[in-house]
Amino acid sequence: MKAHSTASPAHTTTPTLPNPAALESPRLLPAPQHRDATTTTAASDDGRPGGAEAARAVKETTGIVGLEVVPNAREVLIGLYTRTLKEIEAVPKDEGYRKAVESFTNHRLQICQEEDDWKRIEDRIECGQVEELIEEAEDELKLIAKMVEWDPWGVPDDYECEVIEDDTPIPKHVPQHQPVALPEEFFKTLDAVKSDPRSPRRCSSSGEGVKMTLPGYVISHFAVLSRD
C-alpha cells in the first residue's frame, strides 16, 4: 500500500488593494480656480476671520508676467489722477483732448475715493486690474507732457502745409495701399467750415443731422485734399 502525503499546499496571501476612493480625497484634488489674479483672505492671529477689514481679499499676484502687485494701489491711483487733473490744465480748456481726459479721470478718481477695496475699484472701473490702471495713468501723464510740447492747437488758421511730391517709382515688391475715396458730403461740410471755421455745421449723409466742427489747424491739413 502506498502512503499518501498529508502535507497541505503552500499558503499564499492575496495582496489587499487600496480603496480607489481613498486616493481621490478632496483635499488632494482641489477644484481648479479660474481668476486673473491670485488672492487670499486675511485672517486674525488665531486663524479665524478678523472682521470686515481682515476678511478683505489680499492680492498675491496679478497673473501677468512682469506686472508686480502694488499693495497701496488705491493711494497710488488717487495721487496719479490728482496729478493728471492738475497737469491737463496746461491744455486749452476748449480742446477735446482736455475734456476727454478730465471726464474719465474725474470718474475714476471719484471711484477710488469712494472705495477702499482694490477689487471693488476694479469691478466699478472695468478697465483691468488696478496695477494696469496705474500704468495707464502714468502713460497719460507722459502723453500730456508731449501734447503740451507739440502744441497741436497752436497752429494758426491761415497755416499752409507744404506738399512734397515724389515721383520715384515704387518697387514692385512693395504693396501699395490706396486710400478710400472720401464721400462728397465730406467736401461739402469742409467747404462750409472753411468759410467760417468757428461756426458748427451739419451734414446729413445718413438722413439725420450730424453736428460737425473742425478747428482751424485741422482745416489747414485737409486743404491739400482734392476732389479727384
Protein backbone atom coordinates (compact mmCIF):
# COMPACT_ATOMS: atom_id res chain seq x y z
CA MET A 1 0.00 0.00 0.00
CA LYS A 2 1.25 3.45 -0.96
CA ALA A 3 1.45 6.12 1.66
CA HIS A 4 -0.41 9.31 0.82
CA SER A 5 1.14 12.64 1.71
CA THR A 6 -0.91 14.70 4.07
CA ALA A 7 1.15 17.90 3.52
CA SER A 8 -1.08 20.83 2.73
CA PRO A 9 -0.34 23.01 -0.29
CA ALA A 10 1.81 26.12 0.22
CA HIS A 11 -0.10 29.02 1.75
CA THR A 12 -0.44 32.08 -0.47
CA THR A 13 -1.59 35.58 0.55
CA THR A 14 -3.62 37.77 -1.79
CA PRO A 15 -2.48 41.43 -1.50
CA THR A 16 -5.15 43.90 -0.44
CA LEU A 17 -5.64 46.73 -2.93
CA PRO A 18 -6.29 50.20 -1.56
CA ASN A 19 -9.72 51.68 -1.96
CA PRO A 20 -9.66 53.89 -5.07
CA ALA A 21 -11.98 56.32 -3.35
CA ALA A 22 -9.33 56.90 -0.69
CA LEU A 23 -6.91 58.14 -3.37
CA GLU A 24 -9.33 60.79 -4.55
CA SER A 25 -9.67 62.75 -1.36
CA PRO A 26 -10.96 66.30 -1.96
CA ARG A 27 -8.01 67.59 0.00
CA LEU A 28 -5.60 66.03 -2.53
CA LEU A 29 -7.53 67.15 -5.60
CA PRO A 30 -8.58 70.77 -5.11
CA ALA A 31 -11.00 72.26 -7.58
CA PRO A 32 -9.33 74.39 -10.29
CA GLN A 33 -9.52 78.15 -9.84
CA HIS A 34 -10.07 80.48 -12.78
CA ARG A 35 -9.16 84.07 -11.98
CA ASP A 36 -6.98 86.82 -13.34
CA ALA A 37 -5.24 87.48 -10.05
CA THR A 38 -4.38 85.14 -7.19
CA THR A 39 -5.88 86.24 -3.89
CA THR A 40 -6.06 85.08 -0.31
CA THR A 41 -8.30 86.14 2.57
CA ALA A 42 -6.73 87.84 5.53
CA ALA A 43 -7.36 86.28 8.97
CA SER A 44 -6.58 87.01 12.58
CA ASP A 45 -3.66 85.51 14.51
CA ASP A 46 -5.72 82.53 15.69
CA GLY A 47 -6.67 81.61 12.12
CA ARG A 48 -10.22 82.94 12.26
CA PRO A 49 -11.52 85.82 10.14
CA GLY A 50 -10.87 89.07 11.91
CA GLY A 51 -13.85 91.17 10.82
CA ALA A 52 -14.60 93.07 7.62
CA GLU A 53 -11.14 94.62 7.42
CA ALA A 54 -9.32 91.29 7.86
CA ALA A 55 -11.67 89.44 5.53
CA ARG A 56 -10.74 91.67 2.62
CA ALA A 57 -9.01 89.80 -0.20
CA VAL A 58 -5.25 90.27 -0.46
CA LYS A 59 -3.81 90.09 -3.96
CA GLU A 60 -0.78 87.82 -4.22
CA THR A 61 -0.14 88.12 -7.96
CA THR A 62 -1.60 89.88 -10.97
CA GLY A 63 -1.27 86.81 -13.14
CA ILE A 64 0.55 88.96 -15.71
CA VAL A 65 4.26 88.40 -16.30
CA GLY A 66 6.27 91.48 -15.34
CA LEU A 67 3.36 93.26 -13.65
CA GLU A 68 4.00 93.29 -9.91
CA VAL A 69 1.33 93.70 -7.26
CA VAL A 70 1.00 97.22 -5.84
CA PRO A 71 -0.20 96.85 -2.23
CA ASN A 72 -1.25 100.52 -1.95
CA ALA A 73 -2.71 100.74 -5.44
CA ARG A 74 -5.68 102.85 -4.33
CA GLU A 75 -3.47 105.57 -2.85
CA VAL A 76 -1.18 105.49 -5.90
CA LEU A 77 -4.15 105.90 -8.26
CA ILE A 78 -5.57 108.80 -6.27
CA GLY A 79 -2.20 110.54 -6.48
CA LEU A 80 -1.84 109.92 -10.21
CA TYR A 81 -5.37 111.04 -11.04
CA THR A 82 -4.99 114.20 -8.94
CA ARG A 83 -1.74 115.00 -10.72
CA THR A 84 -3.37 114.32 -14.12
CA LEU A 85 -6.15 116.82 -13.46
CA LYS A 86 -3.55 119.39 -12.45
CA GLU A 87 -1.26 118.95 -15.46
CA ILE A 88 -4.07 118.79 -18.04
CA GLU A 89 -4.80 122.43 -17.17
CA ALA A 90 -1.86 123.35 -19.43
CA VAL A 91 -4.06 122.33 -22.38
CA PRO A 92 -6.65 124.90 -23.56
CA LYS A 93 -9.94 124.10 -21.84
CA ASP A 94 -11.91 124.13 -25.09
CA GLU A 95 -9.82 121.34 -26.63
CA GLY A 96 -11.42 117.91 -26.95
CA TYR A 97 -8.36 116.14 -25.58
CA ARG A 98 -8.55 118.04 -22.30
CA LYS A 99 -12.30 117.45 -22.00
CA ALA A 100 -11.88 113.70 -22.56
CA VAL A 101 -9.01 113.37 -20.06
CA GLU A 102 -10.83 115.37 -17.40
CA SER A 103 -14.01 113.35 -17.89
CA PHE A 104 -12.63 109.84 -17.38
CA THR A 105 -10.04 110.94 -14.81
CA ASN A 106 -12.67 112.57 -12.60
CA HIS A 107 -14.81 109.44 -12.91
CA ARG A 108 -12.00 107.11 -11.85
CA LEU A 109 -10.79 109.41 -9.09
CA GLN A 110 -14.28 109.51 -7.59
CA ILE A 111 -14.47 105.70 -7.56
CA CYS A 112 -11.08 105.41 -5.86
CA GLN A 113 -12.17 107.92 -3.21
CA GLU A 114 -15.44 106.06 -2.58
CA GLU A 115 -13.97 102.53 -2.42
CA ASP A 116 -11.34 101.18 -0.03
CA ASP A 117 -11.04 97.71 -1.59
CA TRP A 118 -8.95 97.24 -4.74
CA LYS A 119 -11.37 94.59 -6.02
CA ARG A 120 -14.30 96.99 -5.83
CA ILE A 121 -12.27 99.61 -7.71
CA GLU A 122 -11.51 97.12 -10.48
CA ASP A 123 -15.14 96.00 -10.71
CA ARG A 124 -16.50 99.54 -10.96
CA ILE A 125 -13.96 100.98 -13.39
CA GLU A 126 -13.98 97.81 -15.56
CA CYS A 127 -10.70 98.59 -17.32
CA GLY A 128 -8.39 95.90 -15.94
CA GLN A 129 -6.55 95.44 -12.68
CA VAL A 130 -5.50 98.34 -10.50
CA GLU A 131 -1.88 97.72 -11.47
CA GLU A 132 -2.86 98.13 -15.13
CA LEU A 133 -4.75 101.31 -14.27
CA ILE A 134 -1.59 102.66 -12.65
CA GLU A 135 0.43 102.03 -15.80
CA GLU A 136 -2.27 103.65 -17.91
CA ALA A 137 -2.36 106.75 -15.69
CA GLU A 138 1.44 107.05 -15.87
CA ASP A 139 1.30 106.81 -19.67
CA GLU A 140 -1.38 109.51 -19.79
CA LEU A 141 0.86 111.87 -17.83
CA LYS A 142 3.65 111.29 -20.35
CA LEU A 143 1.25 111.98 -23.22
CA ILE A 144 0.03 115.21 -21.61
CA ALA A 145 3.63 116.47 -21.45
CA LYS A 146 4.12 115.58 -25.12
CA MET A 147 0.87 117.24 -26.18
CA VAL A 148 1.88 120.44 -24.39
CA GLU A 149 5.27 120.29 -26.12
CA TRP A 150 3.79 119.61 -29.58
CA ASP A 151 1.11 122.30 -29.15
CA PRO A 152 -1.17 120.99 -31.97
CA TRP A 153 -3.86 123.54 -31.11
CA GLY A 154 -1.42 126.43 -31.60
CA VAL A 155 -1.37 126.17 -35.42
CA PRO A 156 -2.71 129.44 -36.91
CA ASP A 157 -5.85 129.29 -39.03
CA ASP A 158 -4.02 130.57 -42.12
CA TYR A 159 -1.25 128.00 -41.87
CA GLU A 160 -0.45 126.27 -45.16
CA CYS A 161 1.40 122.99 -45.01
CA GLU A 162 4.00 122.20 -47.67
CA VAL A 163 3.17 119.36 -50.03
CA ILE A 164 6.16 117.43 -51.34
CA GLU A 165 5.57 115.28 -54.40
CA ASP A 166 7.87 112.35 -55.09
CA ASP A 167 7.58 110.66 -58.48
CA THR A 168 10.10 107.95 -57.69
CA PRO A 169 8.72 104.62 -58.96
CA ILE A 170 7.60 102.25 -56.24
CA PRO A 171 9.33 98.83 -56.37
CA LYS A 172 7.02 96.02 -57.43
CA HIS A 173 7.53 94.08 -54.21
CA VAL A 174 6.27 97.00 -52.11
CA PRO A 175 2.49 96.81 -51.57
CA GLN A 176 0.52 99.92 -52.45
CA HIS A 177 -2.34 100.89 -50.18
CA GLN A 178 -4.76 103.15 -51.96
CA PRO A 179 -6.74 105.41 -49.63
CA VAL A 180 -10.51 105.10 -49.67
CA ALA A 181 -12.23 107.94 -51.51
CA LEU A 182 -13.95 110.39 -49.19
CA PRO A 183 -17.69 110.94 -49.71
CA GLU A 184 -18.84 114.10 -51.48
CA GLU A 185 -20.70 115.12 -48.34
CA PHE A 186 -17.37 115.45 -46.55
CA PHE A 187 -16.13 118.07 -49.00
CA LYS A 188 -19.41 119.99 -48.74
CA THR A 189 -19.01 120.13 -44.98
CA LEU A 190 -15.35 121.06 -45.33
CA ASP A 191 -16.17 123.94 -47.66
CA ALA A 192 -18.80 125.21 -45.23
CA VAL A 193 -16.46 125.07 -42.26
CA LYS A 194 -13.61 126.68 -44.20
CA SER A 195 -15.83 129.64 -44.92
CA ASP A 196 -16.48 130.07 -41.20
CA PRO A 197 -14.15 127.86 -39.07
CA ARG A 198 -15.75 128.93 -35.79
CA SER A 199 -19.27 128.02 -36.80
CA PRO A 200 -20.53 124.41 -36.41
CA ARG A 201 -22.14 122.89 -39.48
CA ARG A 202 -24.39 119.94 -40.16
CA CYS A 203 -24.04 117.12 -42.63
CA SER A 204 -26.95 114.83 -43.47
CA SER A 205 -25.37 111.94 -45.32
CA SER A 206 -27.37 109.41 -43.26
CA GLY A 207 -30.64 111.34 -43.33
CA GLU A 208 -30.11 112.74 -39.83
CA GLY A 209 -28.36 115.93 -38.89
CA VAL A 210 -24.83 115.34 -37.56
CA LYS A 211 -23.10 118.23 -35.88
CA MET A 212 -19.51 118.56 -37.06
CA THR A 213 -16.90 121.13 -36.10
CA LEU A 214 -13.36 121.25 -37.44
CA PRO A 215 -10.77 123.55 -35.81
CA GLY A 216 -8.55 125.71 -37.95
CA TYR A 217 -5.44 123.54 -37.68
CA VAL A 218 -7.40 120.52 -38.97
CA ILE A 219 -8.76 122.50 -41.90
CA SER A 220 -5.28 123.57 -42.93
CA HIS A 221 -4.18 119.96 -43.19
CA PHE A 222 -7.30 118.93 -45.07
CA ALA A 223 -6.80 121.76 -47.53
CA VAL A 224 -4.39 119.62 -49.55
CA LEU A 225 -7.15 117.13 -50.36
CA SER A 226 -8.61 117.23 -53.86
CA ARG A 227 -11.88 116.11 -55.31
CA ASP A 228 -10.31 113.55 -57.64
